[in-house]
Amino acid sequence: MDWNRIEQNWDQVKYKVRDQWGKFTFDDLWEISGNREQLEKKLQQRYGYGNDYAKKEVDTWYTKAQSWPDTLNEPPRWMGY
């Protein structure tokens, strides 16, 4: 999965982002909208991460995303948030 796929399937992927970083609000997720730089910026704002650490966190999360089964064509799940 490349980052373009994250952007294209943001409606499904945003729940995985929220699972990883629970401090994100729905407004945050809307602002991020699959944009990697925005995700890094929001990590810095919400968690107080430095620029390098935020990039490392996104890289680690993205590496894990590579191993997800291809379920992005399924409807989004609703977990009460």
Foldseek 3Di string as FASTA:
>chain_A
DDLVVCLVLVQACVVVVCVVPVQDDVVLSVVCSSPLVSQLVVCCVRVVDDSVVSVVVVVVVVVVVVPDDPPSVPDHDPDPD
